[in-house]
Protein backbone atom coordinates (compact mmCIF):
# COMPACT_ATOMS: atom_id res chain seq x y z
CA MET A 1 182.66 34.24 168.79
CA LYS A 2 180.14 32.60 166.50
CA ARG A 3 179.09 34.53 163.39
CA TYR A 4 175.51 34.72 162.16
CA GLY A 5 175.96 35.97 158.62
CA ILE A 6 173.69 38.78 157.56
CA LEU A 7 172.47 39.28 161.15
CA ASP A 8 175.94 40.52 162.13
CA ASN A 9 175.43 43.54 159.86
CA ILE A 10 172.06 44.57 161.31
CA THR A 11 172.43 47.33 163.89
CA SER A 12 168.91 48.80 163.81
CA PRO A 13 165.54 48.27 162.09
CA ALA A 14 166.54 50.89 159.49
CA ASP A 15 168.99 48.34 158.05
CA LEU A 16 166.08 46.10 157.08
CA ARG A 17 164.58 48.56 154.63
CA GLY A 18 167.42 48.30 152.16
CA LEU A 19 167.32 44.50 151.97
CA SER A 20 165.61 42.42 149.30
CA TYR A 21 163.02 39.87 150.31
CA ASP A 22 165.51 37.10 149.55
CA SER A 23 168.01 38.72 151.92
CA LEU A 24 165.30 39.17 154.57
CA ASN A 25 164.49 35.47 154.40
CA VAL A 26 168.17 34.67 154.92
CA LEU A 27 168.09 37.05 157.89
CA CYS A 28 165.12 35.15 159.34
CA ALA A 29 167.10 31.90 159.20
CA SER A 30 169.99 33.63 160.99
CA LEU A 31 167.65 34.99 163.65
CA ARG A 32 166.29 31.52 164.36
CA GLU A 33 169.79 30.13 164.68
CA PHE A 34 170.76 32.95 167.05
CA ILE A 35 167.64 32.50 169.20
CA VAL A 36 168.16 28.74 169.54
CA ASP A 37 171.82 29.21 170.45
CA SER A 38 171.11 31.99 172.96
CA VAL A 39 168.13 30.42 174.69
CA SER A 40 169.92 27.06 174.92
CA ARG A 41 172.43 28.82 177.22
CA THR A 42 170.17 31.10 179.25
CA GLY A 43 166.76 29.44 179.15
CA GLY A 44 163.70 31.40 178.15
CA HIS A 45 160.73 31.32 175.79
CA LEU A 46 161.70 29.44 172.66
CA ALA A 47 158.80 28.14 170.57
CA SER A 48 156.79 31.37 170.73
CA ASN A 49 159.74 33.44 169.45
CA LEU A 50 160.65 31.03 166.66
CA GLY A 51 157.09 31.23 165.43
CA VAL A 52 157.00 35.00 164.88
CA VAL A 53 160.38 35.65 163.24
CA GLU A 54 159.02 36.70 159.82
CA LEU A 55 156.17 38.65 161.41
CA ALA A 56 158.51 40.53 163.74
CA VAL A 57 160.94 41.33 160.90
CA ALA A 58 158.05 42.59 158.77
CA LEU A 59 156.78 44.82 161.57
CA GLU A 60 160.23 46.35 162.13
CA ARG A 61 160.62 46.89 158.38
CA GLU A 62 157.22 48.46 157.74
CA PHE A 63 156.99 50.51 160.93
CA ASP A 64 159.42 52.61 162.95
CA SER A 65 159.48 51.11 166.43
CA SER A 66 161.36 54.12 167.79
CA ARG A 67 158.24 56.20 167.12
CA ASP A 68 155.42 53.78 166.34
CA ARG A 69 154.10 51.74 169.25
CA ILE A 70 154.32 47.95 168.70
CA ILE A 71 152.89 46.01 171.64
CA TYR A 72 153.45 42.26 171.87
CA ASP A 73 150.72 40.74 174.01
CA VAL A 74 152.33 38.83 176.92
CA GLY A 75 155.72 39.80 175.46
CA HIS A 76 157.24 36.32 175.56
CA GLN A 77 157.51 36.50 171.75
CA SER A 78 159.43 39.80 171.63
CA TYR A 79 162.98 38.42 171.30
CA VAL A 80 163.30 39.29 167.59
CA HIS A 81 162.14 42.81 168.37
CA LYS A 82 164.79 43.07 171.09
CA ILE A 83 167.52 41.67 168.82
CA LEU A 84 166.72 44.11 166.01
CA THR A 85 166.48 47.14 168.30
CA GLY A 86 170.02 47.15 169.61
CA ARG A 87 170.01 44.51 172.32
CA ARG A 88 171.51 41.54 170.52
CA ASP A 89 174.87 41.83 172.28
CA ARG A 90 173.15 41.60 175.66
CA PHE A 91 171.31 38.36 174.96
CA VAL A 92 173.89 36.44 177.00
CA THR A 93 172.26 38.16 180.01
CA LEU A 94 168.68 37.22 179.10
CA ARG A 95 166.58 36.67 182.25
CA GLN A 96 169.75 36.92 184.37
CA TYR A 97 169.99 39.26 187.35
CA GLY A 98 170.85 42.72 186.03
CA GLY A 99 170.40 41.53 182.42
CA LEU A 100 167.74 41.65 179.74
CA SER A 101 164.14 40.93 180.71
CA GLY A 102 162.35 38.06 179.02
CA PHE A 103 159.46 40.43 178.30
CA MET A 104 159.03 43.97 176.99
CA LYS A 105 160.42 46.58 179.36
CA PRO A 106 160.57 50.34 178.61
CA ASP A 107 163.57 50.73 180.94
CA GLU A 108 165.59 48.69 178.43
CA SER A 109 164.68 50.55 175.27
CA PRO A 110 162.32 53.31 174.09
CA THR A 111 161.15 50.83 171.45
CA ASP A 112 159.41 48.85 174.20
CA PRO A 113 156.22 50.87 174.66
CA CYS A 114 154.98 49.23 177.87
CA ILE A 115 155.54 46.53 180.48
CA THR A 116 154.24 43.11 179.41
CA GLY A 117 154.02 39.69 181.03
CA HIS A 118 150.32 38.81 181.29
CA ALA A 119 148.01 37.99 178.39
CA SER A 120 145.02 39.68 176.76
CA ASN A 121 145.76 43.34 177.58
CA SER A 122 147.54 44.52 174.41
CA VAL A 123 144.50 45.85 172.54
CA SER A 124 143.37 47.82 175.60
CA VAL A 125 146.79 49.41 176.03
CA ALA A 126 147.10 50.06 172.30
CA LEU A 127 143.72 51.78 172.17
CA GLY A 128 144.76 53.99 175.08
CA MET A 129 147.89 54.99 173.19
CA ALA A 130 145.85 55.67 170.04
CA HIS A 131 143.49 57.93 172.00
CA ALA A 132 146.48 59.76 173.47
CA ARG A 133 147.92 60.25 169.97
CA THR A 134 144.66 61.75 168.72
CA LEU A 135 144.11 64.00 171.72
CA LYS A 136 147.67 65.34 171.52
CA GLY A 137 147.56 65.81 167.74
CA GLN A 138 150.52 63.52 167.13
CA LYS A 139 151.22 61.13 164.27
CA TYR A 140 152.41 57.58 164.79
CA HIS A 141 151.06 54.10 164.27
CA VAL A 142 149.84 51.82 167.07
CA ILE A 143 149.99 48.06 166.64
CA ALA A 144 148.89 45.30 169.00
CA VAL A 145 150.22 41.81 168.26
CA ILE A 146 147.96 39.31 170.02
CA GLY A 147 147.93 35.53 169.80
CA ASP A 148 144.83 33.42 169.31
CA GLY A 149 145.52 31.95 172.75
CA ALA A 150 145.25 35.41 174.33
CA LEU A 151 141.87 35.81 172.63
CA THR A 152 140.51 33.24 175.06
CA GLY A 153 140.78 36.02 177.65
CA GLY A 154 137.63 38.11 178.01
CA MET A 155 139.52 41.38 178.37
CA ALA A 156 140.62 41.10 174.74
CA TYR A 157 136.99 41.15 173.60
CA GLU A 158 136.13 44.12 175.76
CA ALA A 159 138.98 45.95 174.07
CA LEU A 160 138.15 44.77 170.54
CA SER A 161 134.53 45.80 170.96
CA ASN A 162 135.53 49.26 172.14
CA ALA A 163 138.37 49.69 169.63
CA GLY A 164 136.23 48.71 166.65
CA THR A 165 133.72 51.46 167.35
CA SER A 166 136.34 54.05 168.30
CA LYS A 167 137.24 54.92 164.69
CA GLU A 168 140.84 55.29 165.90
CA PRO A 169 143.45 54.19 163.34
CA LEU A 170 144.74 51.07 165.04
CA LEU A 171 146.19 47.79 163.79
CA VAL A 172 145.56 44.53 165.60
CA VAL A 173 147.73 41.67 164.31
CA LEU A 174 146.20 38.33 165.20
CA ASN A 175 149.07 35.84 165.44
CA ASP A 176 147.18 32.61 164.88
CA ASN A 177 149.24 29.50 165.68
CA ASN A 178 146.41 27.51 167.25
CA MET A 179 148.33 27.54 170.56
CA SER A 180 148.56 29.56 173.74
CA ILE A 181 151.01 27.47 175.74
CA ALA A 182 148.98 24.31 175.56
CA GLN A 183 146.58 23.58 172.70
CA ASN A 184 143.87 26.22 172.43
CA VAL A 185 140.37 25.40 173.55
CA GLY A 186 136.91 26.74 172.93
CA GLY A 187 134.71 28.14 170.21
CA LEU A 188 137.10 30.86 169.10
CA SER A 189 139.77 28.30 168.29
CA ARG A 190 137.29 26.42 166.10
CA HIS A 191 136.22 29.69 164.44
CA LEU A 192 139.80 30.56 163.53
CA ALA A 193 140.40 27.02 162.33
CA ARG A 194 137.57 27.46 159.83
CA LEU A 195 139.22 30.63 158.56
CA ARG A 196 142.52 28.82 158.12
CA VAL A 197 141.37 25.76 156.23
CA SER A 198 138.04 26.51 154.53
CA PRO A 199 138.34 25.27 150.89
CA ARG A 200 135.21 27.26 150.00
CA TYR A 201 136.90 30.45 151.11
CA LEU A 202 140.12 29.75 149.23
CA HIS A 203 138.24 28.83 146.04
CA ALA A 204 135.93 31.86 146.29
CA LYS A 205 138.87 34.22 146.85
CA ALA A 206 140.67 32.94 143.74
CA HIS A 207 137.49 33.09 141.68
CA VAL A 208 136.60 36.64 142.72
CA LYS A 209 140.15 37.84 142.07
CA GLU A 210 140.08 36.39 138.58
CA ARG A 211 136.71 37.97 137.74
CA LEU A 212 137.71 41.38 139.10
CA ALA A 213 140.72 41.48 136.81
CA ARG A 214 138.42 41.32 133.76
CA ILE A 215 136.03 44.12 134.76
CA PRO A 216 136.80 47.66 133.53
CA GLY A 217 137.46 50.44 136.05
CA GLY A 218 135.27 53.30 137.15
CA ALA A 219 134.32 54.60 140.56
CA ALA A 220 130.76 53.31 140.43
CA VAL A 221 131.88 49.90 139.27
CA THR A 222 134.58 49.81 141.95
CA ARG A 223 132.02 50.51 144.67
CA SER A 224 129.75 47.84 143.27
CA ILE A 225 132.61 45.34 143.18
CA SER A 226 133.51 46.19 146.75
CA ARG A 227 129.97 45.49 147.87
CA MET A 228 129.92 42.26 145.90
CA LYS A 229 133.21 41.17 147.49
CA ALA A 230 131.85 41.96 150.94
CA ARG A 231 128.76 39.85 150.22
CA PHE A 232 130.96 36.98 149.06
CA LYS A 233 133.04 37.26 152.22
CA ARG A 234 129.98 37.17 154.42
CA LEU A 235 128.68 34.19 152.50
CA VAL A 236 131.77 31.97 152.58
CA LEU A 237 134.03 33.44 155.27
CA PRO A 238 132.70 33.92 158.81
CA THR A 239 134.63 37.13 159.56
CA SER A 240 131.64 38.85 161.15
CA LEU A 241 133.17 38.31 164.59
CA PHE A 242 135.68 41.07 163.85
CA GLU A 243 133.91 43.02 161.11
CA GLN A 244 130.77 43.49 163.19
CA MET A 245 133.00 44.96 165.89
CA GLY A 246 134.01 47.62 163.37
CA PHE A 247 137.35 46.26 162.12
CA THR A 248 138.48 46.01 158.53
CA TYR A 249 139.56 42.38 158.28
CA LEU A 250 142.66 41.46 156.24
CA GLY A 251 143.83 37.90 155.73
CA PRO A 252 144.33 35.18 156.57
CA VAL A 253 147.93 35.31 155.37
CA ASP A 254 150.82 32.88 155.77
CA GLY A 255 152.88 34.45 158.55
CA HIS A 256 156.06 32.87 157.19
CA ASP A 257 155.61 34.43 153.73
CA LEU A 258 157.50 37.58 154.60
CA LYS A 259 156.70 39.43 151.36
CA SER A 260 152.95 38.88 151.73
CA VAL A 261 153.01 39.98 155.37
CA CYS A 262 154.93 43.15 154.47
CA GLU A 263 152.47 43.96 151.69
CA LEU A 264 149.47 43.61 153.98
CA LEU A 265 151.13 45.67 156.71
CA ALA A 266 151.81 48.40 154.15
CA LEU A 267 148.15 48.28 153.14
CA ALA A 268 146.96 48.37 156.76
CA LYS A 269 148.98 51.55 157.36
CA LYS A 270 146.91 53.34 154.70
CA ILE A 271 143.55 52.43 156.22
CA LYS A 272 142.60 55.20 158.61
CA LYS A 273 140.42 53.10 160.91
CA PRO A 274 140.68 49.94 163.02
CA VAL A 275 142.19 47.04 161.08
CA LEU A 276 142.63 43.40 162.08
CA LEU A 277 145.29 41.46 160.17
CA HIS A 278 144.99 37.70 160.56
CA VAL A 279 148.42 36.04 160.33
CA MET A 280 148.88 32.26 160.47
CA THR A 281 152.14 31.05 162.02
CA GLN A 282 153.67 27.82 163.28
CA LYS A 283 154.85 27.84 166.87
CA GLY A 284 158.45 26.60 167.13
CA ARG A 285 159.11 27.14 163.41
CA GLY A 286 162.55 26.23 162.10
CA TYR A 287 163.76 24.08 164.99
CA ALA A 288 162.62 20.47 164.78
CA PRO A 289 162.27 19.68 168.50
CA SER A 290 160.10 22.75 169.13
CA GLU A 291 158.04 22.18 165.98
CA GLN A 292 157.23 18.67 167.18
CA GLN A 293 156.60 19.60 170.82
CA PRO A 294 155.81 23.34 171.00
CA GLU A 295 154.32 23.11 174.50
CA LYS A 296 157.43 21.40 175.87
CA TYR A 297 159.65 24.05 174.28
CA HIS A 298 157.51 27.03 175.22
CA GLY A 299 159.53 28.00 178.28
CA VAL A 300 162.79 26.12 178.56
CA THR A 301 165.81 25.71 180.78
CA GLN A 302 169.28 25.17 179.30
CA PHE A 303 169.38 22.56 176.52
CA ASP A 304 171.61 21.11 173.82
CA PRO A 305 170.86 23.12 170.65
CA VAL A 306 171.89 20.20 168.42
CA THR A 307 169.71 17.49 169.96
CA GLY A 308 167.20 19.56 171.91
CA ALA A 309 167.90 17.51 175.03
CA PHE A 310 167.63 19.42 178.28
CA GLN A 311 170.90 19.51 180.20
CA ALA A 312 169.44 19.05 183.67
CA GLY A 313 166.84 16.43 184.37
CA LYS A 314 163.70 17.93 185.86
CA LYS A 315 163.49 17.29 189.59
CA GLU A 316 160.30 16.47 191.41
CA ASP A 317 158.42 19.67 192.14
CA PHE A 318 155.37 20.82 194.07
CA SER A 319 153.25 21.04 190.90
CA ALA A 320 153.85 17.37 190.07
CA CYS A 321 153.20 16.35 193.68
CA PHE A 322 149.93 18.26 193.62
CA GLY A 323 148.88 16.62 190.35
CA ARG A 324 149.57 13.11 191.61
CA GLU A 325 147.74 13.64 194.89
CA LEU A 326 144.73 15.18 193.16
CA CYS A 327 144.50 12.11 190.94
CA ALA A 328 144.60 9.88 194.01
CA LEU A 329 141.80 11.85 195.66
CA ALA A 330 139.72 11.95 192.47
CA GLU A 331 140.05 8.19 192.10
CA ARG A 332 138.05 7.82 195.30
CA ASP A 333 135.72 10.79 194.97
CA ALA A 334 133.74 11.53 191.78
CA ARG A 335 132.81 15.01 193.04
CA ILE A 336 136.36 16.31 192.55
CA CYS A 337 136.96 18.35 189.39
CA ALA A 338 140.06 20.20 188.23
CA ILE A 339 140.06 23.60 186.54
CA THR A 340 142.97 25.50 185.04
CA ALA A 341 143.50 28.44 182.68
CA ALA A 342 145.62 27.33 179.72
CA MET A 343 148.27 25.80 182.01
CA PRO A 344 147.59 22.05 182.38
CA SER A 345 151.25 21.01 182.31
CA GLY A 346 152.56 24.01 184.27
CA THR A 347 150.13 23.34 187.12
CA GLY A 348 150.75 19.59 187.12
CA LEU A 349 147.30 18.65 185.78
CA SER A 350 148.28 16.82 182.58
CA ARG A 351 147.94 13.43 184.28
CA PHE A 352 144.54 14.38 185.71
CA ALA A 353 143.38 15.51 182.25
CA THR A 354 144.30 12.12 180.83
CA ARG A 355 142.81 10.00 183.61
CA PHE A 356 139.65 12.05 184.22
CA PRO A 357 138.88 13.92 180.97
CA GLY A 358 135.24 14.41 181.91
CA ARG A 359 136.21 16.17 185.14
CA PHE A 360 139.05 18.29 183.74
CA PHE A 361 138.32 21.80 182.47
CA ASP A 362 140.88 23.99 180.71
CA VAL A 363 139.07 27.28 180.15
CA GLY A 364 141.85 29.05 178.25
CA ILE A 365 143.38 32.30 179.46
CA ALA A 366 140.28 33.20 181.44
CA GLU A 367 140.93 33.13 185.18
CA GLU A 368 137.81 35.15 186.03
CA HIS A 369 135.64 32.65 184.21
CA ALA A 370 137.49 29.72 185.82
CA VAL A 371 136.69 30.91 189.35
CA ALA A 372 133.08 31.86 188.60
CA MET A 373 132.54 28.48 186.94
CA ALA A 374 134.03 26.80 190.01
CA ALA A 375 131.50 28.69 192.13
CA GLY A 376 128.70 27.25 190.02
CA MET A 377 130.09 23.75 190.43
CA ALA A 378 130.45 24.14 194.17
CA ALA A 379 126.91 25.48 194.48
CA GLN A 380 125.67 22.27 192.90
CA GLY A 381 127.60 19.90 195.13
CA LEU A 382 130.88 19.30 193.30
CA VAL A 383 134.33 19.95 194.79
CA PRO A 384 136.16 22.15 192.25
CA VAL A 385 139.94 22.48 192.57
CA VAL A 386 141.19 25.58 190.73
CA ALA A 387 144.92 25.43 189.93
CA LEU A 388 146.38 28.79 188.90
CA TYR A 389 149.70 30.56 189.20
CA SER A 390 149.72 33.12 191.99
CA THR A 391 150.40 35.98 189.61
CA PHE A 392 147.41 35.02 187.43
CA LEU A 393 145.06 34.47 190.37
CA GLN A 394 145.20 38.25 190.84
CA ARG A 395 142.95 38.64 187.80
CA ALA A 396 140.15 36.67 189.48
CA TYR A 397 140.01 38.63 192.73
CA ASP A 398 136.47 39.92 192.09
CA GLN A 399 135.17 36.42 191.41
CA ILE A 400 136.85 35.07 194.56
CA VAL A 401 135.02 37.71 196.57
CA HIS A 402 131.70 37.98 194.75
CA ASP A 403 131.04 34.47 193.47
CA VAL A 404 132.81 32.29 196.05
CA ALA A 405 133.49 33.93 199.41
CA ILE A 406 130.26 35.88 199.97
CA ALA A 407 128.29 32.69 199.40
CA GLY A 408 130.73 30.68 201.52
CA LEU A 409 131.20 28.14 198.75
CA HIS A 410 133.69 25.30 199.06
CA VAL A 411 136.22 25.99 196.31
CA VAL A 412 139.83 24.85 196.66
CA PHE A 413 142.41 27.21 195.16
CA CYS A 414 145.79 25.61 194.50
CA VAL A 415 148.09 28.60 194.16
CA ASP A 416 151.16 27.55 192.19
CA ARG A 417 154.35 29.65 191.84
CA ALA A 418 153.71 31.39 195.17
CA GLY A 419 156.54 33.55 196.47
CA ILE A 420 159.66 34.54 194.53
CA VAL A 421 159.64 32.93 191.09
CA GLY A 422 162.87 34.33 189.69
CA ALA A 423 163.78 34.69 186.02
CA ASP A 424 160.38 35.88 184.77
CA GLY A 425 160.62 38.88 187.08
CA ALA A 426 158.12 41.44 188.35
CA THR A 427 155.13 40.29 186.31
CA HIS A 428 155.37 36.70 187.52
CA ASN A 429 156.53 36.76 191.14
CA GLY A 430 153.81 35.45 193.45
CA VAL A 431 154.41 37.90 196.29
CA LEU A 432 150.92 39.42 196.54
CA ASP A 433 148.62 36.44 197.10
CA ILE A 434 148.79 36.38 200.92
CA ALA A 435 147.93 40.08 201.01
CA PHE A 436 144.89 39.88 198.75
CA LEU A 437 143.64 36.51 199.99
CA ARG A 438 143.99 37.54 203.65
CA SER A 439 141.64 40.44 202.91
CA VAL A 440 138.81 38.06 201.95
CA PRO A 441 136.61 37.15 204.94
CA SER A 442 136.35 33.38 205.56
CA MET A 443 139.33 32.56 203.31
CA LYS A 444 141.76 30.04 204.80
CA ILE A 445 145.33 29.90 203.46
CA LEU A 446 147.37 26.72 203.91
CA CYS A 447 151.17 26.88 203.56
CA PRO A 448 152.91 23.52 203.03
CA SER A 449 156.69 23.34 203.40
CA SER A 450 157.14 19.81 202.06
CA PHE A 451 155.48 17.33 199.73
CA ALA A 452 154.13 15.41 202.73
CA GLU A 453 152.47 18.55 204.04
CA LEU A 454 151.06 19.38 200.61
CA ARG A 455 149.42 15.96 200.42
CA SER A 456 147.97 16.28 203.94
CA MET A 457 146.74 19.81 203.32
CA MET A 458 145.03 18.76 200.10
CA THR A 459 143.07 16.16 202.07
CA GLN A 460 142.24 18.83 204.64
CA ALA A 461 141.17 21.31 201.97
CA VAL A 462 138.96 18.83 200.14
CA TYR A 463 137.37 16.99 203.06
CA HIS A 464 137.67 19.05 206.23
CA GLU A 465 136.86 22.57 204.99
CA THR A 466 133.48 23.92 204.03
CA GLY A 467 134.29 27.36 202.60
CA PRO A 468 136.97 28.83 200.33
CA VAL A 469 140.47 27.54 201.01
CA ALA A 470 143.80 28.22 199.28
CA ILE A 471 146.95 26.11 199.30
CA ARG A 472 150.02 28.09 198.25
CA TYR A 473 153.27 26.46 197.17
CA PRO A 474 156.33 27.55 195.19
CA ARG A 475 157.84 26.78 191.84
CA GLY A 476 160.36 23.97 192.19
CA GLY A 477 160.87 21.24 194.73
CA GLU A 478 161.10 20.78 198.47
CA GLY A 479 164.23 21.62 200.43
CA ALA A 480 165.91 20.05 203.43
CA PHE A 481 162.71 20.12 205.50
CA ARG A 482 160.75 16.93 204.82
CA GLY A 483 158.59 16.81 207.93
CA ASN A 484 154.82 16.92 208.22
CA THR A 485 153.28 19.28 210.74
CA ALA A 486 149.99 19.70 208.87
CA GLY A 487 147.02 20.00 211.17
CA GLN A 488 148.80 22.46 213.47
CA ALA A 489 148.18 26.13 212.82
CA ILE A 490 151.64 26.87 214.25
CA ALA A 491 154.39 24.29 214.62
CA CYS A 492 157.84 24.29 216.20
CA VAL A 493 160.38 22.79 213.79
CA ARG A 494 163.53 23.67 215.73
CA GLU A 495 163.68 23.85 219.50
CA ALA A 496 166.23 25.98 221.37
CA PRO A 497 165.76 26.04 225.16
CA GLY A 498 166.61 29.45 226.55
CA HIS A 499 166.44 30.87 223.04
CA THR A 500 167.50 34.40 222.14
CA VAL A 501 165.36 34.76 219.04
CA THR A 502 162.49 33.01 217.27
CA LEU A 503 162.46 32.85 213.49
CA LEU A 504 158.83 32.56 212.42
CA THR A 505 158.04 31.73 208.81
CA HIS A 506 155.82 29.72 206.46
CA GLY A 507 156.07 27.59 203.32
CA VAL A 508 159.48 26.72 201.91
CA MET A 509 161.06 29.74 203.59
CA VAL A 510 161.38 27.37 206.55
CA ASP A 511 164.45 25.90 204.83
CA ARG A 512 166.22 29.28 204.82
CA ALA A 513 165.14 29.93 208.42
CA LEU A 514 166.51 26.57 209.59
CA GLU A 515 169.79 27.20 207.77
CA ALA A 516 170.01 30.67 209.35
CA ALA A 517 169.34 29.16 212.79
CA ALA A 518 172.21 26.73 212.29
CA LEU A 519 174.55 29.60 211.37
CA LEU A 520 173.45 31.54 214.46
CA GLU A 521 174.01 28.50 216.67
CA GLN A 522 177.64 28.49 215.54
CA LYS A 523 177.84 32.01 216.97
CA GLN A 524 176.28 30.89 220.28
CA VAL A 525 172.92 32.54 219.47
CA ARG A 526 170.18 30.12 220.46
CA THR A 527 167.51 30.25 217.77
CA GLN A 528 164.21 28.42 217.62
CA VAL A 529 162.18 28.15 214.41
CA TYR A 530 158.40 28.10 214.20
CA LYS A 531 156.33 27.91 211.08
CA VAL A 532 152.76 28.90 210.35
CA ASN A 533 150.81 26.28 208.43
CA GLU A 534 147.45 27.98 208.35
CA ILE A 535 146.72 31.68 207.91
CA SER A 536 143.16 32.08 209.15
CA ASP A 537 141.08 33.05 212.16
CA ALA A 538 142.62 30.03 213.92
CA LEU A 539 145.84 32.01 214.39
CA ASP A 540 144.40 33.92 217.35
CA ALA A 541 143.89 30.76 219.37
CA ALA A 542 147.14 29.22 218.13
CA PHE A 543 149.23 32.19 219.18
CA ALA A 544 147.48 32.35 222.52
CA ALA A 545 148.33 28.69 223.13
CA ALA A 546 151.94 29.23 222.12
CA GLN A 547 152.32 32.51 223.99
CA GLU A 548 154.85 31.23 226.50
CA ALA A 549 156.98 29.46 223.87
CA LEU A 550 157.04 32.59 221.68
CA ARG A 551 158.09 34.99 224.41
CA GLY A 552 160.95 37.32 223.50
CA TRP A 553 162.24 38.56 220.19
CA CYS A 554 160.58 37.26 217.04
CA VAL A 555 161.71 37.81 213.44
CA VAL A 556 159.08 36.97 210.82
CA VAL A 557 160.65 35.79 207.54
CA GLU A 558 158.43 35.79 204.42
CA ASP A 559 158.85 35.78 200.64
CA ASN A 560 156.00 38.19 200.03
CA VAL A 561 155.27 41.90 200.30
CA GLU A 562 155.00 43.51 203.72
CA SER A 563 151.61 45.21 203.33
CA GLY A 564 148.99 42.62 204.18
CA SER A 565 151.61 40.07 205.19
CA LEU A 566 151.42 37.52 207.98
CA GLY A 567 154.20 39.44 209.73
CA GLU A 568 152.09 42.58 209.73
CA TRP A 569 149.32 40.69 211.53
CA ILE A 570 151.78 39.24 214.06
CA ALA A 571 153.39 42.63 214.67
CA ALA A 572 149.97 44.08 215.42
CA HIS A 573 149.61 41.52 218.21
CA ARG A 574 153.20 41.54 219.49
CA VAL A 575 154.23 45.15 218.65
CA GLU A 576 157.75 45.88 219.95
CA ARG A 577 158.83 42.24 220.05
CA THR A 578 158.50 41.56 216.32
CA ASP A 579 160.71 42.44 213.35
CA LEU A 580 159.72 41.78 209.74
CA LEU A 581 161.92 40.46 206.96
CA ASN A 582 160.15 40.22 203.59
CA THR A 583 160.42 41.35 199.97
CA GLY A 584 159.36 44.89 200.88
CA ASP A 585 156.60 46.84 199.21
CA ARG A 586 158.16 46.86 195.76
CA PHE A 587 158.28 44.94 192.52
CA LEU A 588 161.28 42.67 192.23
CA PRO A 589 163.67 42.39 189.25
CA HIS A 590 164.35 39.18 187.38
CA GLY A 591 167.13 36.83 188.40
CA SER A 592 167.51 33.46 190.07
CA VAL A 593 165.48 32.77 193.22
CA ASP A 594 168.68 32.71 195.28
CA GLU A 595 169.81 36.05 193.87
CA ILE A 596 166.48 37.73 194.55
CA CYS A 597 166.42 36.30 198.08
CA ARG A 598 169.86 37.80 198.69
CA LEU A 599 168.65 41.12 197.29
CA CYS A 600 165.77 41.08 199.78
CA GLY A 601 167.87 39.87 202.70
CA LEU A 602 165.99 36.57 202.80
CA ASP A 603 168.86 34.13 202.29
CA ALA A 604 170.20 32.29 205.33
CA GLU A 605 173.36 34.39 205.60
CA SER A 606 171.42 37.67 205.48
CA ILE A 607 168.87 36.51 208.04
CA ALA A 608 171.66 35.46 210.41
CA ALA A 609 173.50 38.74 209.82
CA TYR A 610 170.32 40.70 210.63
CA VAL A 611 169.93 38.85 213.92
CA MET A 612 173.57 39.39 214.87
CA LYS A 613 173.41 43.08 214.04
CA ASN A 614 170.23 43.73 216.06
CA ARG A 615 170.60 41.17 218.86
CA LYS A 616 172.15 43.42 221.50
CA GLY A 617 169.63 46.20 221.08
CA LYS A 618 166.71 43.79 221.23
CA GLU A 619 168.02 42.07 224.33
CA GLU A 620 168.38 45.43 226.07
CA SER A 621 164.92 46.65 225.02
CA LEU A 622 163.25 43.42 226.10
CA GLY A 623 165.12 43.35 229.40
């Protein structure tokens, strides 16, 4: 077993408090080595964790995470916290089924104060905890660690505005690395850049410090000096954004100067009101490949820790297919624009951004704004295509309803990572989008099962629809099914004359249904497979037309929750003849997609076993 020097002797955060700063810096180097080695085997979030090593060590040293509440916004940078709070030995299970979560999770440790996974909520949650502390007469510190990327989300400002006027003792640590996942965008990024590099500020700070050292003490003089310093700050350092919200602003400080960070954290603890500490860090720090390409090494699969080379070449996926087809459509049609929320590479839009920079809009972590802006574009005759992960589209539900659907505007929603995502777990699985999109009047949901269908459905969505339309597709690539049945609301993809059961599904679940049908055929159970391509009002007519073909027992197979599912709609029309197989009304754990499908009974073997177990009873009940 590999040894990691001083890290091997750290069993809890209490061990940090007896170490010198030199020893702590050695520990930080060991932590980086451990993180690179571990993540190279399991996959996970690399660059974000390497960037906060000193900051995380300082927080664990200056605070007591068993009592104090330290909230890492998003949580994908909480690995050091996990390692130092007793979970180092379990890192071989990171993001594996039954193992450690890649985010904060209270079930794992009492030092994780809340569930995390989405951005921009940490200050809100922290303020709630601070209010609870005050109302219950308790004593502990509350700290929110939020990145500058997460500050592109409007919720963060709602919270900062409220927290600054609350007078609650609360520390907000702004981890400023000029990145979210991709490069940050917008006015806030430029504002923070001025704080980082302003020579006038650095010169004024040194000058004021020198002058203050020569002035004799005295309370009156001290107050006068404080006012003078504040005037200097307002003159040369534009910190009013936070100070006018009511925060005491500290920094900026080099986030890799552990001693300076510890000193400012110790100072912040003594200030009995809202404090914002501005810490500058480098994403991917200490590992050359991630320093050079922090976006590429944000979330990684297995890789060679020596060279940084990924072990498995990336296969063609639905995101890349979407990006290529959108470029082809935009080449012919100047009305087409692409919008994303801090995820240009993840959604396959990097090529579009390069080829059509004037028609590409990355709004930062601001899904609500993205959809409302798309509504404005559509109202003025453009064709906006909004590419978001399913789990993040949830945050824009109000804008989908209020700004797009009520007005009947033509906005195309490309819903990436739909269905079971896997290793990122409950916060990232896209199992709710059918339920909440189905509830929106006039919304049409298209469900491609192959790249060919995705391309055809994009043409349909852009040119043959007039209102809101969503195309949902999974993370990863296509399976064995490579056909193209686009244009049919319901399509038969496996015939079985005299069939016993119909497996009805949509999207890439058709691959598991076809595999299950083949297994059942080996047991002399004739099984036909139908798939739904379009979830909309057209289903009524489509099912009526296919009524004879769909007679008998039907099992609806879906990788989404049951409430609001397609199966629920079908069961309402077919009642006793329909069974539902889905993820259930629950939040799913992390693990591989195959493992989670088995857990839910959605793998081919489980589907076939379900049919075999219930076949006799269904045949008898249906006569």
